[in-house]
């Protein structure tokens, strides 16, 4: 077994599928090996994949070097006869011990020979990778019994029978195999990066930048006031000086976006809030006291914002932890954002 140039152990699901498509488009025969079932302490969970070319070149891993070599050989055998199959592989205690685990177990691996045309639905794999390049969140659903695939948008899941589970998996950022209507279906989540738009280039925004980056958000700071935007160091953020509401409109906020108002200026915050609450952003927050938030809701109502939208605003922004100072306020806001991301329905 030979290794492809990239780091096998760190290959993402997207890079594995992308490389498999490159091989296929170059005329190579390619098989996908997917863990269907594994014991609880196995190093890779169900849904983990590796791609194998006819010459034995691989990308990805389902266990570790020794077992991966065995899986690659089985994939080459499947390619030789063009036959999809599910194979059980026993991992001995000795093999597991060499990998740093207490005990071995059994893994079930499904081998799928990628085929062009409707039967193999390679085009759907390509659509999934194109969506990821375009920063659109999708879930690639594969029925393990026959390889039937469906690509479901996380923002607009539609009426597909797999859509409800796909939506749940997307919200949790959780690739997994789940039984739906009697079928085992692999739900592979390909989410766009999390984005945070902060309106107001103030001290709390700088603290929020650091806290949000720590959990993986791409951060943009919006403020029409040049004197504010230049007063503090926002290294690591995209700094936009200009109309905040217009910038949010151009950003095309989706269910991977959060928006927080910190400017303390109704003339800046209110137009931006109107844009944010009408979007699919999973979180919209505004800093201020309960009294100022009540006044904010009155202004938005006067501007024609319906209650079903204005109630989406978390105000005052942040979990009620008695936060004091920019750093603690930022921590409370990020905690509330994560709560909304994992436990709420985006856009509702």
Protein backbone atom coordinates (compact mmCIF):
# COMPACT_ATOMS: atom_id res chain seq x y z
CA UNK A 1 0.00 0.00 0.00
CA UNK A 2 1.34 3.44 -0.92
CA UNK A 3 0.36 6.75 0.58
CA UNK A 4 -0.88 9.76 -1.35
CA UNK A 5 1.11 12.97 -0.76
CA UNK A 6 -1.17 14.43 1.90
CA UNK A 7 -1.14 13.48 5.58
CA UNK A 8 -3.35 10.40 5.90
CA UNK A 9 -4.17 10.71 9.55
CA UNK A 10 -5.34 14.31 9.24
CA UNK A 11 -7.22 13.99 5.95
CA UNK A 12 -10.69 15.45 6.25
CA UNK A 13 -13.79 13.82 4.78
CA UNK A 14 -13.86 16.56 2.15
CA UNK A 15 -10.22 16.06 1.15
CA UNK A 16 -10.76 12.30 0.89
CA UNK A 17 -13.75 12.66 -1.43
CA UNK A 18 -12.03 15.41 -3.39
CA UNK A 19 -8.97 13.26 -4.00
CA UNK A 20 -11.15 10.28 -4.92
CA UNK A 21 -12.88 12.43 -7.54
CA UNK A 22 -9.54 13.63 -8.90
CA UNK A 23 -8.40 10.03 -9.30
CA UNK A 24 -11.68 9.08 -10.93
CA UNK A 25 -11.58 11.99 -13.34
CA UNK A 26 -8.01 11.01 -14.27
CA UNK A 27 -9.33 7.63 -15.37
CA UNK A 28 -8.37 5.60 -12.31
CA UNK A 29 -10.55 3.01 -10.62
CA UNK A 30 -11.41 4.10 -7.09
CA UNK A 31 -13.14 2.51 -4.12
CA UNK A 32 -14.44 4.15 -0.96
CA UNK A 33 -14.02 2.19 2.26
CA UNK A 34 -16.47 3.31 4.95
CA UNK A 35 -16.71 2.10 8.53
CA UNK A 36 -20.28 0.87 8.98
CA UNK A 37 -19.84 -0.40 12.53
CA UNK A 38 -17.03 -0.43 15.08
CA UNK A 39 -16.67 -1.14 18.76
CA UNK A 40 -16.97 1.76 21.19
CA UNK A 41 -13.26 2.34 21.80
CA UNK A 42 -12.13 1.98 18.17
CA UNK A 43 -9.91 4.85 16.99
CA UNK A 44 -12.33 5.79 14.18
CA UNK A 45 -16.09 5.92 14.49
CA UNK A 46 -18.75 4.78 12.03
CA UNK A 47 -18.74 6.98 8.93
CA UNK A 48 -14.95 7.39 8.75
CA UNK A 49 -13.61 6.75 5.26
CA UNK A 50 -10.56 6.12 3.17
CA UNK A 51 -10.30 6.16 -0.60
CA UNK A 52 -8.28 3.51 -2.42
CA UNK A 53 -7.01 3.61 -5.97
CA UNK A 54 -6.61 0.44 -8.05
CA UNK A 55 -2.82 0.57 -7.56
CA UNK A 56 -3.27 0.59 -3.77
CA UNK A 57 -2.66 4.30 -3.20
CA UNK A 58 -4.81 5.57 -0.35
CA UNK A 59 -5.98 8.73 1.35
CA UNK A 60 -7.59 8.74 4.77
CA UNK A 61 -7.57 6.09 7.48
CA UNK A 62 -10.05 3.75 9.14
CA UNK A 63 -7.76 2.49 11.92
CA UNK A 64 -4.01 2.78 11.53
CA UNK A 65 -1.20 1.58 9.24
CA UNK A 66 -1.52 -2.19 9.76
CA UNK A 67 -5.29 -2.45 9.47
CA UNK A 68 -5.44 0.22 6.74
CA UNK A 69 -3.18 -1.96 4.60
CA UNK A 70 -5.61 -4.86 5.04
CA UNK A 71 -8.55 -2.62 4.14
CA UNK A 72 -6.73 -1.29 1.08
CA UNK A 73 -6.08 -4.84 -0.15
CA UNK A 74 -9.76 -5.69 0.27
CA UNK A 75 -10.69 -2.52 -1.64
CA UNK A 76 -8.40 -3.48 -4.52
CA UNK A 77 -10.06 -6.90 -4.61
CA UNK A 78 -13.49 -5.26 -4.77
CA UNK A 79 -12.30 -3.07 -7.66
CA UNK A 80 -10.95 -6.11 -9.50
CA UNK A 81 -14.44 -7.60 -9.72
CA UNK A 82 -16.38 -4.33 -9.64
CA UNK A 83 -18.40 -5.53 -6.70
CA UNK A 84 -19.62 -3.45 -3.75
CA UNK A 85 -19.50 -5.40 -0.52
CA UNK A 86 -19.46 -5.19 3.26
CA UNK A 87 -16.64 -7.03 5.01
CA UNK A 88 -16.07 -7.78 8.70
CA UNK A 89 -12.52 -7.28 9.93
CA UNK A 90 -11.35 -8.65 13.28
CA UNK A 91 -8.85 -6.50 15.15
CA UNK A 92 -6.83 -8.65 17.53
CA UNK A 93 -5.94 -7.49 21.01
CA UNK A 94 -2.28 -7.47 19.96
CA UNK A 95 -3.00 -5.17 16.99
CA UNK A 96 -5.09 -2.92 19.19
CA UNK A 97 -2.36 -2.84 21.83
CA UNK A 98 0.19 -1.76 19.22
CA UNK A 99 -2.14 1.13 18.41
CA UNK A 100 -2.30 2.13 22.06
CA UNK A 101 -5.73 0.65 22.85
CA UNK A 102 -6.75 -1.71 25.61
CA UNK A 103 -8.55 -4.28 23.45
CA UNK A 104 -9.56 -5.14 19.93
CA UNK A 105 -12.90 -5.85 18.35
CA UNK A 106 -14.73 -6.14 15.05
CA UNK A 107 -15.17 -3.56 12.33
CA UNK A 108 -17.58 -3.72 9.43
CA UNK A 109 -16.30 -1.94 6.33
CA UNK A 110 -18.38 -1.18 3.26
CA UNK A 111 -16.49 -1.05 -0.02
CA UNK A 112 -18.05 0.98 -2.81
CA UNK A 113 -16.57 1.09 -6.30
CA UNK A 114 -17.12 4.62 -7.56
CA UNK A 115 -18.95 4.62 -10.84
CA UNK A 116 -19.77 7.38 -13.26
CA UNK A 117 -23.33 7.87 -14.43
CA UNK A 118 -26.61 7.75 -12.47
CA UNK A 119 -25.87 4.41 -10.81
CA UNK A 120 -22.72 5.59 -9.06
CA UNK A 121 -23.90 9.18 -8.64
CA UNK A 122 -20.36 10.52 -8.80
CA UNK A 123 -21.88 13.80 -9.92
CA UNK A 124 -23.46 14.20 -6.48
CA UNK A 125 -20.05 13.83 -4.87
CA UNK A 126 -18.80 16.58 -7.17
CA UNK A 127 -21.77 18.78 -6.28
CA UNK A 128 -20.96 18.31 -2.59
CA UNK A 129 -17.36 19.40 -3.08
CA UNK A 130 -18.46 22.38 -5.21
CA UNK A 131 -20.85 23.45 -2.46
CA UNK A 132 -18.03 23.34 0.07
CA UNK A 133 -15.83 25.49 -2.18
CA UNK A 134 -18.70 27.97 -2.45
CA UNK A 135 -19.03 27.98 1.37
CA UNK A 136 -22.50 26.43 1.24
CA UNK A 137 -23.40 23.96 3.99
CA UNK A 138 -24.66 20.59 2.76
CA UNK A 139 -25.18 17.05 4.01
CA UNK A 140 -24.23 14.18 1.72
CA UNK A 141 -26.57 11.27 2.44
CA UNK A 142 -25.67 7.76 1.29
CA UNK A 143 -27.86 4.67 1.71
CA UNK A 144 -25.39 1.96 2.60
CA UNK A 145 -27.37 -0.92 1.13
CA UNK A 146 -27.04 0.28 -2.45
CA UNK A 147 -25.06 3.55 -2.51
CA UNK A 148 -28.04 5.75 -3.41
CA UNK A 149 -27.11 9.35 -2.62
CA UNK A 150 -28.87 12.61 -1.97
CA UNK A 151 -27.37 16.04 -1.34
CA UNK A 152 -29.34 18.17 1.10
CA UNK A 153 -28.78 21.85 1.81
CA UNK A 154 -28.49 22.64 5.52
CA UNK A 155 -30.29 25.96 4.95
CA UNK A 156 -33.07 24.61 2.74
CA UNK A 157 -33.43 20.88 3.45
CA UNK A 158 -36.60 20.43 1.38
CA UNK A 159 -38.93 17.45 1.56
CA UNK A 160 -36.50 14.55 1.13
CA UNK A 161 -37.27 11.74 3.59
CA UNK A 162 -33.72 12.07 4.91
CA UNK A 163 -34.00 15.85 5.37
CA UNK A 164 -35.01 15.99 9.06
CA UNK A 165 -32.08 13.82 10.15
CA UNK A 166 -29.75 15.69 7.79
CA UNK A 167 -30.78 18.97 9.41
CA UNK A 168 -30.16 17.59 12.90
CA UNK A 169 -26.75 16.30 11.91
CA UNK A 170 -25.82 19.62 10.28
CA UNK A 171 -26.77 21.58 13.39
CA UNK A 172 -24.65 19.27 15.54
CA UNK A 173 -21.72 19.18 13.07
CA UNK A 174 -21.96 15.42 13.43
CA UNK A 175 -21.26 12.91 10.67
CA UNK A 176 -22.86 9.58 11.56
CA UNK A 177 -24.76 6.54 10.33
CA UNK A 178 -28.43 6.51 11.32
CA UNK A 179 -31.33 4.22 10.51
CA UNK A 180 -34.10 6.02 8.62
CA UNK A 181 -37.23 4.13 7.52
CA UNK A 182 -35.40 0.82 7.88
CA UNK A 183 -32.31 1.91 5.93
CA UNK A 184 -28.86 2.61 7.32
CA UNK A 185 -27.88 6.01 5.93
CA UNK A 186 -24.52 7.74 6.20
CA UNK A 187 -25.00 11.47 6.84
CA UNK A 188 -21.75 13.29 6.00
CA UNK A 189 -21.88 16.89 7.17
CA UNK A 190 -19.97 19.46 5.13
CA UNK A 191 -20.57 22.74 6.91
CA UNK A 192 -19.28 26.11 5.81
CA UNK A 193 -17.06 27.95 8.31
CA UNK A 194 -18.78 29.65 11.23
CA UNK A 195 -18.90 33.41 10.74
CA UNK A 196 -19.44 36.18 13.28
CA UNK A 197 -20.30 39.75 12.32
CA UNK A 198 -19.74 42.27 15.10
CA UNK A 199 -21.30 45.72 14.64
CA UNK A 200 -19.28 48.26 16.60
CA UNK A 201 -15.48 48.51 16.79
CA UNK A 202 -15.38 48.85 20.59
CA UNK A 203 -13.35 47.25 23.40
CA UNK A 204 -15.88 44.45 23.89
CA UNK A 205 -15.59 43.69 20.16
CA UNK A 206 -11.88 43.08 20.57
CA UNK A 207 -12.52 40.66 23.43
CA UNK A 208 -15.29 39.00 21.45
CA UNK A 209 -12.91 38.57 18.52
CA UNK A 210 -10.47 36.61 20.67
CA UNK A 211 -13.18 34.46 22.29
CA UNK A 212 -14.93 33.67 19.00
CA UNK A 213 -11.73 32.77 17.19
CA UNK A 214 -10.92 30.33 19.97
CA UNK A 215 -13.94 28.22 18.98
CA UNK A 216 -13.41 28.56 15.23
CA UNK A 217 -15.37 31.59 14.06
CA UNK A 218 -14.24 33.81 11.21
CA UNK A 219 -14.84 37.32 12.53
CA UNK A 220 -15.75 40.55 10.75
CA UNK A 221 -15.93 43.89 12.56
CA UNK A 222 -18.31 46.44 11.03
CA UNK A 223 -18.40 50.14 11.93
CA UNK A 224 -19.15 53.25 9.87
CA UNK A 225 -17.05 55.39 12.23
CA UNK A 226 -13.42 55.56 11.04
CA UNK A 227 -12.24 56.94 14.38
CA UNK A 228 -13.57 53.82 16.15
CA UNK A 229 -12.25 51.37 13.57
CA UNK A 230 -8.72 52.75 13.82
CA UNK A 231 -8.56 53.16 17.60
CA UNK A 232 -8.09 49.49 18.53
CA UNK A 233 -6.14 46.51 17.22
CA UNK A 234 -8.44 44.00 15.49
CA UNK A 235 -5.72 41.77 14.07
CA UNK A 236 -7.23 38.53 12.83
CA UNK A 237 -10.59 40.04 11.92
CA UNK A 238 -11.91 41.43 8.68
CA UNK A 239 -12.46 45.13 9.42
CA UNK A 240 -15.11 46.89 7.33
CA UNK A 241 -15.53 50.64 7.66
CA UNK A 242 -18.88 51.68 6.22
CA UNK A 243 -22.59 50.97 6.32
CA UNK A 244 -23.05 47.96 8.63
CA UNK A 245 -26.54 47.11 7.39
CA UNK A 246 -25.36 47.15 3.79
CA UNK A 247 -22.39 44.95 4.65
CA UNK A 248 -24.68 42.40 6.31
CA UNK A 249 -26.96 42.43 3.27
CA UNK A 250 -24.02 41.71 0.97
CA UNK A 251 -22.75 38.98 3.31
CA UNK A 252 -25.82 36.82 2.58
CA UNK A 253 -26.13 35.61 6.15
CA UNK A 254 -26.86 31.90 6.46
CA UNK A 255 -27.33 29.36 9.25
CA UNK A 256 -23.59 29.37 10.00
CA UNK A 257 -23.62 33.08 10.83
CA UNK A 258 -24.00 35.02 14.06
CA UNK A 259 -24.46 38.79 14.39
CA UNK A 260 -23.82 40.85 17.52
CA UNK A 261 -24.57 44.57 17.98
CA UNK A 262 -22.11 46.42 20.18
CA UNK A 263 -22.04 49.96 18.81
CA UNK A 264 -24.40 51.45 21.45
CA UNK A 265 -25.79 53.65 18.68
CA UNK A 266 -29.37 53.03 17.57
CA UNK A 267 -28.60 54.69 14.26
CA UNK A 268 -26.01 52.01 13.55
CA UNK A 269 -27.49 49.00 15.36
CA UNK A 270 -31.15 49.24 14.35
CA UNK A 271 -30.71 49.07 10.54
CA UNK A 272 -28.24 46.21 11.02
CA UNK A 273 -30.70 44.39 13.28
CA UNK A 274 -33.42 44.70 10.65
CA UNK A 275 -31.13 42.94 8.18
CA UNK A 276 -30.01 40.30 10.67
CA UNK A 277 -33.39 39.20 12.03
CA UNK A 278 -34.74 38.71 8.51
CA UNK A 279 -31.81 36.44 7.59
CA UNK A 280 -31.06 32.79 8.35
CA UNK A 281 -28.42 33.73 10.93
CA UNK A 282 -28.57 31.29 13.83
CA UNK A 283 -27.89 33.99 16.42
CA UNK A 284 -28.63 37.71 16.65
CA UNK A 285 -27.57 39.51 19.82
CA UNK A 286 -27.53 43.11 20.98
CA UNK A 287 -25.69 44.45 24.01
CA UNK A 288 -27.42 46.78 26.45
CA UNK A 289 -29.61 46.82 29.52
CA UNK A 290 -33.10 45.35 29.66
CA UNK A 291 -34.46 48.86 29.58
CA UNK A 292 -32.50 49.79 26.48
CA UNK A 293 -33.53 46.52 24.85
CA UNK A 294 -37.20 47.27 25.49
CA UNK A 295 -36.72 50.65 23.84
CA UNK A 296 -34.94 48.92 20.96
CA UNK A 297 -37.89 46.58 20.38
CA UNK A 298 -40.26 49.56 20.33
CA UNK A 299 -38.13 51.27 17.66
CA UNK A 300 -38.04 48.13 15.56
CA UNK A 301 -41.82 47.73 15.86
CA UNK A 302 -42.24 51.34 14.71
CA UNK A 303 -39.99 50.50 11.76
CA UNK A 304 -42.33 47.65 10.78
CA UNK A 305 -40.36 44.68 12.09
CA UNK A 306 -42.91 41.99 13.10
CA UNK A 307 -42.68 40.47 16.59
CA UNK A 308 -41.82 37.01 15.22
CA UNK A 309 -38.56 38.51 13.91
CA UNK A 310 -37.72 40.92 16.71
CA UNK A 311 -38.10 38.13 19.28
CA UNK A 312 -35.10 36.44 17.66
CA UNK A 313 -32.86 39.09 19.20
CA UNK A 314 -30.95 37.99 22.29
CA UNK A 315 -31.03 41.11 24.38
CA UNK A 316 -29.13 41.80 26.46
CA UNK A 317 -26.69 39.59 24.54
CA UNK A 318 -24.94 36.85 26.48
CA UNK A 319 -25.83 34.29 29.10
CA UNK A 320 -26.72 35.75 32.48
CA UNK A 321 -23.55 34.83 34.38
CA UNK A 322 -23.02 38.16 36.10
CA UNK A 323 -20.33 39.09 33.58
CA UNK A 324 -18.19 42.13 34.34
CA UNK A 325 -15.84 43.77 31.87
CA UNK A 326 -15.26 43.08 28.14
CA UNK A 327 -13.62 39.65 28.55
CA UNK A 328 -16.41 38.16 30.67
CA UNK A 329 -19.09 39.75 28.51
CA UNK A 330 -17.42 38.24 25.43
CA UNK A 331 -17.31 34.82 27.09
CA UNK A 332 -21.02 35.02 27.95
CA UNK A 333 -21.92 36.00 24.38
CA UNK A 334 -19.88 33.18 22.82
CA UNK A 335 -21.47 30.71 25.24
CA UNK A 336 -24.93 31.90 24.22
CA UNK A 337 -23.98 31.69 20.55
CA UNK A 338 -22.88 28.08 20.96
CA UNK A 339 -26.11 27.29 22.81
CA UNK A 340 -28.13 28.75 19.94
CA UNK A 341 -26.05 26.90 17.36
CA UNK A 342 -26.43 23.50 18.96
CA UNK A 343 -29.90 23.67 20.48
CA UNK A 344 -32.00 25.97 18.32
CA UNK A 345 -33.46 25.88 14.83
CA UNK A 346 -31.62 28.32 12.56
CA UNK A 347 -33.72 31.13 11.16
CA UNK A 348 -36.64 30.62 13.51
